[in-house]
């Protein structure tokens, strides 16, 4: 039986799962089986195998490989889509007292309370 020594996706091992999920869309069922076999023999990551097996199942159900661009990288943030999510209603108050108390009220020294002897 012939085993592929390299996965059908270039740079496969270093891909974040989000990118991988997109990249595998361009593979056909046979390439998906190769990739699943490769993953099982190498890193054997449960989350990755789940994605690959789900995709293989979709292909077996009749999904077509899409020409998902091989340089799509969802982990690169796109341009912002709108203003700041913080409104003046939800912003923190401009000033809040320091957590150790208000400076003009010095703490009482410990040892004021004396047990009856």
PDB file of N, CA and C in Angstrom:
ATOM      1  N   UNK A   1       0.855  -1.195   0.000  1.00  0.00           N
ATOM      2  CA  UNK A   1       0.000   0.000   0.000  1.00  0.00           C
ATOM      3  C   UNK A   1       0.889   1.244   0.000  1.00  0.00           C
ATOM      4  N   UNK A   2       0.544   2.202  -0.840  1.00  0.00           N
ATOM      5  CA  UNK A   2       1.378   3.398  -1.003  1.00  0.00           C
ATOM      6  C   UNK A   2       0.944   4.489  -0.031  1.00  0.00           C
ATOM      7  N   UNK A   3       1.859   4.974   0.803  1.00  0.00           N
ATOM      8  CA  UNK A   3       1.549   6.058   1.738  1.00  0.00           C
ATOM      9  C   UNK A   3       2.232   7.332   1.278  1.00  0.00           C
ATOM     10  N   UNK A   4       1.456   8.413   1.255  1.00  0.00           N
ATOM     11  CA  UNK A   4       2.031   9.718   0.926  1.00  0.00           C
ATOM     12  C   UNK A   4       2.932  10.137   2.085  1.00  0.00           C
ATOM     13  N   UNK A   5       4.099  10.672   1.768  1.00  0.00           N
ATOM     14  CA  UNK A   5       4.949  11.163   2.844  1.00  0.00           C
ATOM     15  C   UNK A   5       4.743  12.650   3.058  1.00  0.00           C
ATOM     16  N   UNK A   6       4.094  13.317   2.112  1.00  0.00           N
ATOM     17  CA  UNK A   6       3.801  14.736   2.314  1.00  0.00           C
ATOM     18  C   UNK A   6       2.296  14.933   2.165  1.00  0.00           C
ATOM     19  N   UNK A   7       1.728  15.807   2.979  1.00  0.00           N
ATOM     20  CA  UNK A   7       0.289  16.058   2.895  1.00  0.00           C
ATOM     21  C   UNK A   7      -0.046  16.804   1.602  1.00  0.00           C
ATOM     22  N   UNK A   8      -1.292  16.669   1.121  1.00  0.00           N
ATOM     23  CA  UNK A   8      -1.676  17.360  -0.121  1.00  0.00           C
ATOM     24  C   UNK A   8      -1.800  18.872   0.013  1.00  0.00           C
ATOM     25  N   UNK A   9      -1.575  19.429   1.191  1.00  0.00           N
ATOM     26  CA  UNK A   9      -1.611  20.890   1.368  1.00  0.00           C
ATOM     27  C   UNK A   9      -0.214  21.344   1.753  1.00  0.00           C
ATOM     28  N   UNK A  10       0.320  22.289   1.001  1.00  0.00           N
ATOM     29  CA  UNK A  10       1.661  22.809   1.299  1.00  0.00           C
ATOM     30  C   UNK A  10       1.674  23.495   2.660  1.00  0.00           C
ATOM     31  N   UNK A  11       2.697  23.205   3.462  1.00  0.00           N
ATOM     32  CA  UNK A  11       2.826  23.851   4.771  1.00  0.00           C
ATOM     33  C   UNK A  11       1.785  23.399   5.778  1.00  0.00           C
ATOM     34  N   UNK A  12       1.185  22.230   5.529  1.00  0.00           N
ATOM     35  CA  UNK A  12       0.063  21.721   6.332  1.00  0.00           C
ATOM     36  C   UNK A  12       0.306  21.779   7.840  1.00  0.00           C
ATOM     37  N   UNK A  13       1.467  21.292   8.308  1.00  0.00           N
ATOM     38  CA  UNK A  13       1.688  21.193   9.745  1.00  0.00           C
ATOM     39  C   UNK A  13       1.610  22.537  10.460  1.00  0.00           C
ATOM     40  N   UNK A  14       2.002  23.602   9.781  1.00  0.00           N
ATOM     41  CA  UNK A  14       2.033  24.895  10.465  1.00  0.00           C
ATOM     42  C   UNK A  14       0.737  25.687  10.376  1.00  0.00           C
ATOM     43  N   UNK A  15      -0.284  25.140   9.735  1.00  0.00           N
ATOM     44  CA  UNK A  15      -1.503  25.927   9.534  1.00  0.00           C
ATOM     45  C   UNK A  15      -2.369  25.982  10.783  1.00  0.00           C
ATOM     46  N   UNK A  16      -2.874  27.170  11.131  1.00  0.00           N
ATOM     47  CA  UNK A  16      -3.869  27.239  12.204  1.00  0.00           C
ATOM     48  C   UNK A  16      -5.150  26.541  11.720  1.00  0.00           C
ATOM     49  N   UNK A  17      -5.950  26.029  12.654  1.00  0.00           N
ATOM     50  CA  UNK A  17      -7.154  25.283  12.268  1.00  0.00           C
ATOM     51  C   UNK A  17      -8.080  26.109  11.380  1.00  0.00           C
ATOM     52  N   UNK A  18      -8.236  27.401  11.665  1.00  0.00           N
ATOM     53  CA  UNK A  18      -9.125  28.233  10.847  1.00  0.00           C
ATOM     54  C   UNK A  18      -8.710  28.258   9.378  1.00  0.00           C
ATOM     55  N   UNK A  19      -7.411  28.348   9.137  1.00  0.00           N
ATOM     56  CA  UNK A  19      -6.886  28.354   7.772  1.00  0.00           C
ATOM     57  C   UNK A  19      -7.059  26.978   7.150  1.00  0.00           C
ATOM     58  N   UNK A  20      -6.757  25.959   7.930  1.00  0.00           N
ATOM     59  CA  UNK A  20      -6.865  24.591   7.448  1.00  0.00           C
ATOM     60  C   UNK A  20      -8.286  24.297   6.986  1.00  0.00           C
ATOM     61  N   UNK A  21      -9.252  24.724   7.785  1.00  0.00           N
ATOM     62  CA  UNK A  21     -10.657  24.482   7.472  1.00  0.00           C
ATOM     63  C   UNK A  21     -10.998  25.066   6.110  1.00  0.00           C
ATOM     64  N   UNK A  22     -10.419  26.218   5.780  1.00  0.00           N
ATOM     65  CA  UNK A  22     -10.669  26.830   4.483  1.00  0.00           C
ATOM     66  C   UNK A  22      -9.899  26.107   3.372  1.00  0.00           C
ATOM     67  N   UNK A  23      -8.644  25.797   3.645  1.00  0.00           N
ATOM     68  CA  UNK A  23      -7.807  25.188   2.606  1.00  0.00           C
ATOM     69  C   UNK A  23      -8.340  23.849   2.126  1.00  0.00           C
ATOM     70  N   UNK A  24      -8.885  23.029   3.044  1.00  0.00           N
ATOM     71  CA  UNK A  24      -9.312  21.695   2.642  1.00  0.00           C
ATOM     72  C   UNK A  24     -10.516  21.730   1.710  1.00  0.00           C
ATOM     73  N   UNK A  25     -11.171  22.891   1.587  1.00  0.00           N
ATOM     74  CA  UNK A  25     -12.329  22.970   0.693  1.00  0.00           C
ATOM     75  C   UNK A  25     -11.958  22.704  -0.765  1.00  0.00           C
ATOM     76  N   UNK A  26     -10.684  22.920  -1.109  1.00  0.00           N
ATOM     77  CA  UNK A  26     -10.311  22.724  -2.517  1.00  0.00           C
ATOM     78  C   UNK A  26      -9.891  21.279  -2.804  1.00  0.00           C
ATOM     79  N   UNK A  27      -9.849  20.426  -1.760  1.00  0.00           N
ATOM     80  CA  UNK A  27      -9.414  19.038  -1.964  1.00  0.00           C
ATOM     81  C   UNK A  27     -10.602  18.160  -2.329  1.00  0.00           C
ATOM     82  N   UNK A  28     -10.329  17.107  -3.111  1.00  0.00           N
ATOM     83  CA  UNK A  28     -11.403  16.155  -3.401  1.00  0.00           C
ATOM     84  C   UNK A  28     -11.377  15.051  -2.341  1.00  0.00           C
ATOM     85  N   UNK A  29     -12.332  14.122  -2.428  1.00  0.00           N
ATOM     86  CA  UNK A  29     -12.465  13.093  -1.399  1.00  0.00           C
ATOM     87  C   UNK A  29     -11.191  12.261  -1.256  1.00  0.00           C
ATOM     88  N   UNK A  30     -10.549  11.940  -2.375  1.00  0.00           N
ATOM     89  CA  UNK A  30      -9.327  11.130  -2.313  1.00  0.00           C
ATOM     90  C   UNK A  30      -8.214  11.882  -1.577  1.00  0.00           C
ATOM     91  N   UNK A  31      -8.065  13.167  -1.871  1.00  0.00           N
ATOM     92  CA  UNK A  31      -7.045  13.972  -1.182  1.00  0.00           C
ATOM     93  C   UNK A  31      -7.378  14.108   0.306  1.00  0.00           C
ATOM     94  N   UNK A  32      -8.676  14.200   0.620  1.00  0.00           N
ATOM     95  CA  UNK A  32      -9.078  14.285   2.026  1.00  0.00           C
ATOM     96  C   UNK A  32      -8.690  12.998   2.753  1.00  0.00           C
ATOM     97  N   UNK A  33      -8.896  11.854   2.102  1.00  0.00           N
ATOM     98  CA  UNK A  33      -8.518  10.573   2.738  1.00  0.00           C
ATOM     99  C   UNK A  33      -7.011  10.531   2.974  1.00  0.00           C
ATOM    100  N   UNK A  34      -6.236  11.038   2.012  1.00  0.00           N
ATOM    101  CA  UNK A  34      -4.771  11.084   2.174  1.00  0.00           C
ATOM    102  C   UNK A  34      -4.412  11.957   3.377  1.00  0.00           C
ATOM    103  N   UNK A  35      -5.087  13.097   3.467  1.00  0.00           N
ATOM    104  CA  UNK A  35      -4.779  14.048   4.532  1.00  0.00           C
ATOM    105  C   UNK A  35      -5.144  13.458   5.895  1.00  0.00           C
ATOM    106  N   UNK A  36      -6.297  12.787   5.976  1.00  0.00           N
ATOM    107  CA  UNK A  36      -6.711  12.148   7.232  1.00  0.00           C
ATOM    108  C   UNK A  36      -5.685  11.086   7.621  1.00  0.00           C
ATOM    109  N   UNK A  37      -5.255  10.282   6.659  1.00  0.00           N
ATOM    110  CA  UNK A  37      -4.244   9.260   6.934  1.00  0.00           C
ATOM    111  C   UNK A  37      -2.949   9.889   7.418  1.00  0.00           C
ATOM    112  N   UNK A  38      -2.577  10.987   6.772  1.00  0.00           N
ATOM    113  CA  UNK A  38      -1.343  11.685   7.145  1.00  0.00           C
ATOM    114  C   UNK A  38      -1.452  12.200   8.582  1.00  0.00           C
ATOM    115  N   UNK A  39      -2.574  12.828   8.894  1.00  0.00           N
ATOM    116  CA  UNK A  39      -2.775  13.385  10.244  1.00  0.00           C
ATOM    117  C   UNK A  39      -2.748  12.269  11.285  1.00  0.00           C
ATOM    118  N   UNK A  40      -3.397  11.141  10.989  1.00  0.00           N
ATOM    119  CA  UNK A  40      -3.421  10.021  11.937  1.00  0.00           C
ATOM    120  C   UNK A  40      -2.014   9.479  12.191  1.00  0.00           C
ATOM    121  N   UNK A  41      -1.180   9.437  11.154  1.00  0.00           N
ATOM    122  CA  UNK A  41       0.170   8.897  11.314  1.00  0.00           C
ATOM    123  C   UNK A  41       1.139   9.899  11.934  1.00  0.00           C
ATOM    124  N   UNK A  42       0.787  11.185  11.904  1.00  0.00           N
ATOM    125  CA  UNK A  42       1.728  12.196  12.409  1.00  0.00           C
ATOM    126  C   UNK A  42       1.210  12.834  13.696  1.00  0.00           C
ATOM    127  N   UNK A  43       0.605  14.018  13.598  1.00  0.00           N
ATOM    128  CA  UNK A  43       0.209  14.729  14.825  1.00  0.00           C
ATOM    129  C   UNK A  43      -1.008  14.090  15.510  1.00  0.00           C
ATOM    130  N   UNK A  44      -1.922  13.514  14.714  1.00  0.00           N
ATOM    131  CA  UNK A  44      -3.114  12.838  15.245  1.00  0.00           C
ATOM    132  C   UNK A  44      -3.903  13.748  16.191  1.00  0.00           C
ATOM    133  N   UNK A  45      -4.177  14.986  15.741  1.00  0.00           N
ATOM    134  CA  UNK A  45      -4.908  15.956  16.554  1.00  0.00           C
ATOM    135  C   UNK A  45      -6.409  15.724  16.390  1.00  0.00           C
ATOM    136  N   UNK A  46      -7.094  15.512  17.497  1.00  0.00           N
ATOM    137  CA  UNK A  46      -8.523  15.195  17.463  1.00  0.00           C
ATOM    138  C   UNK A  46      -9.323  16.290  16.755  1.00  0.00           C
ATOM    139  N   UNK A  47      -9.077  17.550  17.114  1.00  0.00           N
ATOM    140  CA  UNK A  47      -9.836  18.646  16.510  1.00  0.00           C
ATOM    141  C   UNK A  47      -9.632  18.726  15.008  1.00  0.00           C
ATOM    142  N   UNK A  48      -8.413  18.481  14.573  1.00  0.00           N
ATOM    143  CA  UNK A  48      -8.091  18.531  13.143  1.00  0.00           C
ATOM    144  C   UNK A  48      -8.759  17.351  12.432  1.00  0.00           C
ATOM    145  N   UNK A  49      -8.660  16.161  13.012  1.00  0.00           N
ATOM    146  CA  UNK A  49      -9.284  14.994  12.390  1.00  0.00           C
ATOM    147  C   UNK A  49     -10.794  15.189  12.258  1.00  0.00           C
ATOM    148  N   UNK A  50     -11.393  15.829  13.247  1.00  0.00           N
ATOM    149  CA  UNK A  50     -12.836  16.085  13.206  1.00  0.00           C
ATOM    150  C   UNK A  50     -13.183  16.949  11.993  1.00  0.00           C
ATOM    151  N   UNK A  51     -12.418  18.026  11.785  1.00  0.00           N
ATOM    152  CA  UNK A  51     -12.648  18.907  10.646  1.00  0.00           C
ATOM    153  C   UNK A  51     -12.468  18.140   9.333  1.00  0.00           C
ATOM    154  N   UNK A  52     -11.377  17.369   9.243  1.00  0.00           N
ATOM    155  CA  UNK A  52     -11.090  16.653   8.001  1.00  0.00           C
ATOM    156  C   UNK A  52     -12.161  15.608   7.716  1.00  0.00           C
ATOM    157  N   UNK A  53     -12.579  14.883   8.764  1.00  0.00           N
ATOM    158  CA  UNK A  53     -13.582  13.840   8.551  1.00  0.00           C
ATOM    159  C   UNK A  53     -14.939  14.443   8.203  1.00  0.00           C
ATOM    160  N   UNK A  54     -15.284  15.585   8.825  1.00  0.00           N
ATOM    161  CA  UNK A  54     -16.538  16.251   8.472  1.00  0.00           C
ATOM    162  C   UNK A  54     -16.526  16.670   7.012  1.00  0.00           C
ATOM    163  N   UNK A  55     -15.394  17.203   6.560  1.00  0.00           N
ATOM    164  CA  UNK A  55     -15.287  17.643   5.173  1.00  0.00           C
ATOM    165  C   UNK A  55     -15.367  16.455   4.216  1.00  0.00           C
ATOM    166  N   UNK A  56     -14.708  15.360   4.578  1.00  0.00           N
ATOM    167  CA  UNK A  56     -14.770  14.166   3.741  1.00  0.00           C
ATOM    168  C   UNK A  56     -16.219  13.693   3.638  1.00  0.00           C
ATOM    169  N   UNK A  57     -16.934  13.716   4.753  1.00  0.00           N
ATOM    170  CA  UNK A  57     -18.335  13.298   4.773  1.00  0.00           C
ATOM    171  C   UNK A  57     -19.157  14.185   3.832  1.00  0.00           C
ATOM    172  N   UNK A  58     -18.915  15.508   3.876  1.00  0.00           N
ATOM    173  CA  UNK A  58     -19.624  16.431   2.973  1.00  0.00           C
ATOM    174  C   UNK A  58     -19.362  16.054   1.518  1.00  0.00           C
ATOM    175  N   UNK A  59     -18.101  15.758   1.206  1.00  0.00           N
ATOM    176  CA  UNK A  59     -17.753  15.400  -0.173  1.00  0.00           C
ATOM    177  C   UNK A  59     -18.445  14.097  -0.586  1.00  0.00           C
ATOM    178  N   UNK A  60     -18.485  13.132   0.342  1.00  0.00           N
ATOM    179  CA  UNK A  60     -19.138  11.861   0.028  1.00  0.00           C
ATOM    180  C   UNK A  60     -20.641  12.053  -0.152  1.00  0.00           C
ATOM    181  N   UNK A  61     -21.200  13.084   0.488  1.00  0.00           N
ATOM    182  CA  UNK A  61     -22.627  13.386   0.340  1.00  0.00           C
ATOM    183  C   UNK A  61     -22.894  14.204  -0.927  1.00  0.00           C
ATOM    184  N   UNK A  62     -21.846  14.518  -1.678  1.00  0.00           N
ATOM    185  CA  UNK A  62     -22.066  15.221  -2.944  1.00  0.00           C
ATOM    186  C   UNK A  62     -21.548  16.642  -3.022  1.00  0.00           C
ATOM    187  N   UNK A  63     -20.907  17.140  -1.949  1.00  0.00           N
ATOM    188  CA  UNK A  63     -20.334  18.491  -2.022  1.00  0.00           C
ATOM    189  C   UNK A  63     -19.206  18.478  -3.052  1.00  0.00           C
ATOM    190  N   UNK A  64     -19.025  19.592  -3.726  1.00  0.00           N
ATOM    191  CA  UNK A  64     -17.959  19.702  -4.722  1.00  0.00           C
ATOM    192  C   UNK A  64     -16.788  20.471  -4.123  1.00  0.00           C
ATOM    193  N   UNK A  65     -15.552  20.063  -4.471  1.00  0.00           N
ATOM    194  CA  UNK A  65     -14.415  20.884  -4.023  1.00  0.00           C
ATOM    195  C   UNK A  65     -14.581  22.294  -4.576  1.00  0.00           C
ATOM    196  N   UNK A  66     -14.347  23.305  -3.751  1.00  0.00           N
ATOM    197  CA  UNK A  66     -14.453  24.671  -4.246  1.00  0.00           C
ATOM    198  C   UNK A  66     -13.038  25.165  -4.470  1.00  0.00           C
ATOM    199  N   UNK A  67     -12.913  26.140  -5.307  1.00  0.00           N
ATOM    200  CA  UNK A  67     -11.569  26.664  -5.549  1.00  0.00           C
ATOM    201  C   UNK A  67     -11.217  27.628  -4.437  1.00  0.00           C
ATOM    202  N   UNK A  68     -11.282  27.160  -3.210  1.00  0.00           N
ATOM    203  CA  UNK A  68     -10.896  27.993  -2.074  1.00  0.00           C
ATOM    204  C   UNK A  68      -9.468  28.448  -2.314  1.00  0.00           C
ATOM    205  N   UNK A  69      -9.258  29.748  -2.195  1.00  0.00           N
ATOM    206  CA  UNK A  69      -7.921  30.250  -2.492  1.00  0.00           C
ATOM    207  C   UNK A  69      -6.936  29.689  -1.479  1.00  0.00           C
ATOM    208  N   UNK A  70      -5.807  29.188  -1.960  1.00  0.00           N
ATOM    209  CA  UNK A  70      -4.834  28.562  -1.073  1.00  0.00           C
ATOM    210  C   UNK A  70      -4.067  29.590  -0.240  1.00  0.00           C
ATOM    211  N   UNK A  71      -4.234  30.875  -0.530  1.00  0.00           N
ATOM    212  CA  UNK A  71      -3.526  31.820   0.335  1.00  0.00           C
ATOM    213  C   UNK A  71      -4.481  32.578   1.245  1.00  0.00           C
ATOM    214  N   UNK A  72      -5.719  32.094   1.363  1.00  0.00           N
ATOM    215  CA  UNK A  72      -6.685  32.688   2.288  1.00  0.00           C
ATOM    216  C   UNK A  72      -6.183  32.472   3.716  1.00  0.00           C
ATOM    217  N   UNK A  73      -6.112  33.552   4.502  1.00  0.00           N
ATOM    218  CA  UNK A  73      -5.643  33.415   5.884  1.00  0.00           C
ATOM    219  C   UNK A  73      -6.575  34.175   6.813  1.00  0.00           C
ATOM    220  N   UNK A  74      -7.581  33.494   7.343  1.00  0.00           N
ATOM    221  CA  UNK A  74      -8.571  34.200   8.165  1.00  0.00           C
ATOM    222  C   UNK A  74      -8.003  34.789   9.443  1.00  0.00           C
ATOM    223  N   UNK A  75      -6.808  34.318   9.851  1.00  0.00           N
ATOM    224  CA  UNK A  75      -6.290  34.876  11.096  1.00  0.00           C
ATOM    225  C   UNK A  75      -5.713  36.278  10.917  1.00  0.00           C
ATOM    226  N   UNK A  76      -5.633  36.758   9.689  1.00  0.00           N
ATOM    227  CA  UNK A  76      -5.220  38.155   9.482  1.00  0.00           C
ATOM    228  C   UNK A  76      -6.446  39.028   9.626  1.00  0.00           C
ATOM    229  N   UNK A  77      -6.427  39.978  10.553  1.00  0.00           N
ATOM    230  CA  UNK A  77      -7.630  40.796  10.719  1.00  0.00           C
ATOM    231  C   UNK A  77      -7.891  41.657   9.494  1.00  0.00           C
ATOM    232  N   UNK A  78      -9.144  41.765   9.113  1.00  0.00           N
ATOM    233  CA  UNK A  78      -9.525  42.592   7.975  1.00  0.00           C
ATOM    234  C   UNK A  78      -9.710  44.020   8.446  1.00  0.00           C
ATOM    235  N   UNK A  79     -10.175  44.882   7.557  1.00  0.00           N
ATOM    236  CA  UNK A  79     -10.422  46.278   7.962  1.00  0.00           C
ATOM    237  C   UNK A  79     -11.563  46.318   8.976  1.00  0.00           C
ATOM    238  N   UNK A  80     -11.548  47.267   9.910  1.00  0.00           N
ATOM    239  CA  UNK A  80     -12.623  47.333  10.902  1.00  0.00           C
ATOM    240  C   UNK A  80     -13.961  47.627  10.218  1.00  0.00           C
ATOM    241  N   UNK A  81     -15.039  47.055  10.721  1.00  0.00           N
ATOM    242  CA  UNK A  81     -16.349  47.220  10.086  1.00  0.00           C
ATOM    243  C   UNK A  81     -17.252  48.035  10.986  1.00  0.00           C
ATOM    244  N   UNK A  82     -16.898  49.281  11.254  1.00  0.00           N
ATOM    245  CA  UNK A  82     -17.780  50.100  12.077  1.00  0.00           C
ATOM    246  C   UNK A  82     -17.004  50.725  13.209  1.00  0.00           C
ATOM    247  N   UNK A  83     -17.724  51.465  14.031  1.00  0.00           N
ATOM    248  CA  UNK A  83     -17.078  52.212  15.099  1.00  0.00           C
ATOM    249  C   UNK A  83     -16.704  51.343  16.269  1.00  0.00           C
ATOM    250  N   UNK A  84     -16.257  52.002  17.333  1.00  0.00           N
ATOM    251  CA  UNK A  84     -15.863  51.317  18.553  1.00  0.00           C
ATOM    252  C   UNK A  84     -17.092  50.691  19.205  1.00  0.00           C
ATOM    253  N   UNK A  85     -16.968  49.455  19.691  1.00  0.00           N
ATOM    254  CA  UNK A  85     -18.118  48.827  20.346  1.00  0.00           C
ATOM    255  C   UNK A  85     -18.421  49.433  21.719  1.00  0.00           C
ATOM    256  N   UNK A  86     -17.502  50.264  22.253  1.00  0.00           N
ATOM    257  CA  UNK A  86     -17.740  50.864  23.566  1.00  0.00           C
ATOM    258  C   UNK A  86     -18.484  52.176  23.377  1.00  0.00           C
ATOM    259  N   UNK A  87     -19.668  52.285  23.974  1.00  0.00           N
ATOM    260  CA  UNK A  87     -20.407  53.540  23.894  1.00  0.00           C
ATOM    261  C   UNK A  87     -20.199  54.293  25.193  1.00  0.00           C
ATOM    262  N   UNK A  88     -20.673  55.548  25.257  1.00  0.00           N
ATOM    263  CA  UNK A  88     -20.488  56.314  26.483  1.00  0.00           C
ATOM    264  C   UNK A  88     -21.291  55.690  27.621  1.00  0.00           C
ATOM    265  N   UNK A  89     -22.369  54.950  27.291  1.00  0.00           N
ATOM    266  CA  UNK A  89     -23.159  54.308  28.345  1.00  0.00           C
ATOM    267  C   UNK A  89     -22.382  53.179  29.020  1.00  0.00           C
ATOM    268  N   UNK A  90     -21.600  52.439  28.239  1.00  0.00           N
ATOM    269  CA  UNK A  90     -20.948  51.260  28.792  1.00  0.00           C
ATOM    270  C   UNK A  90     -19.506  51.506  29.208  1.00  0.00           C
ATOM    271  N   UNK A  91     -18.976  52.707  28.944  1.00  0.00           N
ATOM    272  CA  UNK A  91     -17.581  52.973  29.301  1.00  0.00           C
ATOM    273  C   UNK A  91     -17.437  53.043  30.818  1.00  0.00           C
ATOM    274  N   UNK A  92     -16.251  52.713  31.317  1.00  0.00           N
ATOM    275  CA  UNK A  92     -16.001  52.777  32.761  1.00  0.00           C
ATOM    276  C   UNK A  92     -16.026  54.238  33.200  1.00  0.00           C
ATOM    277  N   UNK A  93     -16.376  54.490  34.461  1.00  0.00           N
ATOM    278  CA  UNK A  93     -16.360  55.889  34.929  1.00  0.00           C
ATOM    279  C   UNK A  93     -14.958  56.484  34.804  1.00  0.00           C
ATOM    280  N   UNK A  94     -14.902  57.802  34.570  1.00  0.00           N
ATOM    281  CA  UNK A  94     -13.627  58.459  34.307  1.00  0.00           C
ATOM    282  C   UNK A  94     -12.663  58.321  35.479  1.00  0.00           C
ATOM    283  N   UNK A  95     -13.168  58.432  36.702  1.00  0.00           N
ATOM    284  CA  UNK A  95     -12.249  58.270  37.828  1.00  0.00           C
ATOM    285  C   UNK A  95     -12.897  57.368  38.857  1.00  0.00           C
ATOM    286  N   UNK A  96     -12.108  56.521  39.457  1.00  0.00           N
ATOM    287  CA  UNK A  96     -12.645  55.682  40.524  1.00  0.00           C
ATOM    288  C   UNK A  96     -11.610  55.719  41.649  1.00  0.00           C
ATOM    289  N   UNK A  97     -12.036  55.571  42.894  1.00  0.00           N
ATOM    290  CA  UNK A  97     -11.082  55.665  43.997  1.00  0.00           C
ATOM    291  C   UNK A  97     -10.064  54.535  43.931  1.00  0.00           C
ATOM    292  N   UNK A  98      -8.842  54.786  44.406  1.00  0.00           N
ATOM    293  CA  UNK A  98      -7.836  53.722  44.378  1.00  0.00           C
ATOM    294  C   UNK A  98      -8.277  52.563  45.269  1.00  0.00           C
ATOM    295  N   UNK A  99      -7.891  51.328  44.915  1.00  0.00           N
ATOM    296  CA  UNK A  99      -8.373  50.162  45.656  1.00  0.00           C
ATOM    297  C   UNK A  99      -7.944  50.147  47.118  1.00  0.00           C
ATOM    298  N   UNK A 100      -6.876  50.862  47.477  1.00  0.00           N
ATOM    299  CA  UNK A 100      -6.420  50.783  48.864  1.00  0.00           C
ATOM    300  C   UNK A 100      -7.117  51.809  49.757  1.00  0.00           C
ATOM    301  N   UNK A 101      -8.097  52.525  49.202  1.00  0.00           N
ATOM    302  CA  UNK A 101      -8.824  53.484  50.035  1.00  0.00           C
ATOM    303  C   UNK A 101      -8.501  54.912  49.632  1.00  0.00           C
ATOM    304  N   UNK A 102      -9.147  55.840  50.267  1.00  0.00           N
ATOM    305  CA  UNK A 102      -8.971  57.241  49.931  1.00  0.00           C
ATOM    306  C   UNK A 102      -7.759  57.784  50.694  1.00  0.00           C
ATOM    307  N   UNK A 103      -6.826  58.463  50.001  1.00  0.00           N
ATOM    308  CA  UNK A 103      -5.552  58.867  50.615  1.00  0.00           C
ATOM    309  C   UNK A 103      -5.685  59.743  51.858  1.00  0.00           C
ATOM    310  N   UNK A 104      -6.739  60.587  51.955  1.00  0.00           N
ATOM    311  CA  UNK A 104      -6.791  61.476  53.119  1.00  0.00           C
ATOM    312  C   UNK A 104      -7.413  60.815  54.343  1.00  0.00           C
ATOM    313  N   UNK A 105      -7.565  59.506  54.312  1.00  0.00           N
ATOM    314  CA  UNK A 105      -8.019  58.778  55.508  1.00  0.00           C
ATOM    315  C   UNK A 105      -6.962  57.740  55.843  1.00  0.00           C
ATOM    316  N   UNK A 106      -5.915  58.113  56.553  1.00  0.00           N
ATOM    317  CA  UNK A 106      -4.837  57.156  56.833  1.00  0.00           C
ATOM    318  C   UNK A 106      -5.366  55.962  57.609  1.00  0.00           C
ATOM    319  N   UNK A 107      -4.810  54.797  57.296  1.00  0.00           N
ATOM    320  CA  UNK A 107      -5.239  53.579  57.976  1.00  0.00           C
ATOM    321  C   UNK A 107      -4.828  53.633  59.431  1.00  0.00           C
ATOM    322  N   UNK A 108      -5.657  53.065  60.287  1.00  0.00           N
ATOM    323  CA  UNK A 108      -5.293  53.025  61.711  1.00  0.00           C
ATOM    324  C   UNK A 108      -4.198  51.989  61.891  1.00  0.00           C
ATOM    325  N   UNK A 109      -3.207  52.250  62.725  1.00  0.00           N
ATOM    326  CA  UNK A 109      -2.171  51.235  62.959  1.00  0.00           C
ATOM    327  C   UNK A 109      -2.758  50.007  63.625  1.00  0.00           C
ATOM    328  N   UNK A 110      -2.251  48.863  63.240  1.00  0.00           N
ATOM    329  CA  UNK A 110      -2.728  47.629  63.849  1.00  0.00           C
ATOM    330  C   UNK A 110      -2.260  47.587  65.308  1.00  0.00           C
ATOM    331  N   UNK A 111      -2.952  46.827  66.125  1.00  0.00           N
ATOM    332  CA  UNK A 111      -2.530  46.714  67.523  1.00  0.00           C
ATOM    333  C   UNK A 111      -3.301  47.637  68.446  1.00  0.00           C
ATOM    334  N   UNK A 112      -4.350  48.362  67.916  1.00  0.00           N
ATOM    335  CA  UNK A 112      -5.177  49.206  68.775  1.00  0.00           C
ATOM    336  C   UNK A 112      -5.963  48.359  69.758  1.00  0.00           C
ATOM    337  N   UNK A 113      -6.510  47.268  69.224  1.00  0.00           N
ATOM    338  CA  UNK A 113      -7.323  46.420  70.110  1.00  0.00           C
ATOM    339  C   UNK A 113      -6.395  45.572  70.960  1.00  0.00           C
ATOM    340  N   UNK A 114      -6.563  45.702  72.287  1.00  0.00           N
ATOM    341  CA  UNK A 114      -5.685  44.928  73.157  1.00  0.00           C
ATOM    342  C   UNK A 114      -6.545  43.940  73.937  1.00  0.00           C
ATOM    343  N   UNK A 115      -6.114  42.707  73.896  1.00  0.00           N
ATOM    344  CA  UNK A 115      -6.874  41.692  74.614  1.00  0.00           C
ATOM    345  C   UNK A 115      -6.720  41.901  76.117  1.00  0.00           C
ATOM    346  N   UNK A 116      -7.773  41.629  76.869  1.00  0.00           N
ATOM    347  CA  UNK A 116      -7.673  41.775  78.331  1.00  0.00           C
ATOM    348  C   UNK A 116      -6.663  40.783  78.876  1.00  0.00           C
ATOM    349  N   UNK A 117      -5.788  41.260  79.758  1.00  0.00           N
ATOM    350  CA  UNK A 117      -4.760  40.353  80.283  1.00  0.00           C
ATOM    351  C   UNK A 117      -4.879  40.234  81.787  1.00  0.00           C
TER     352      UNK A 117
END
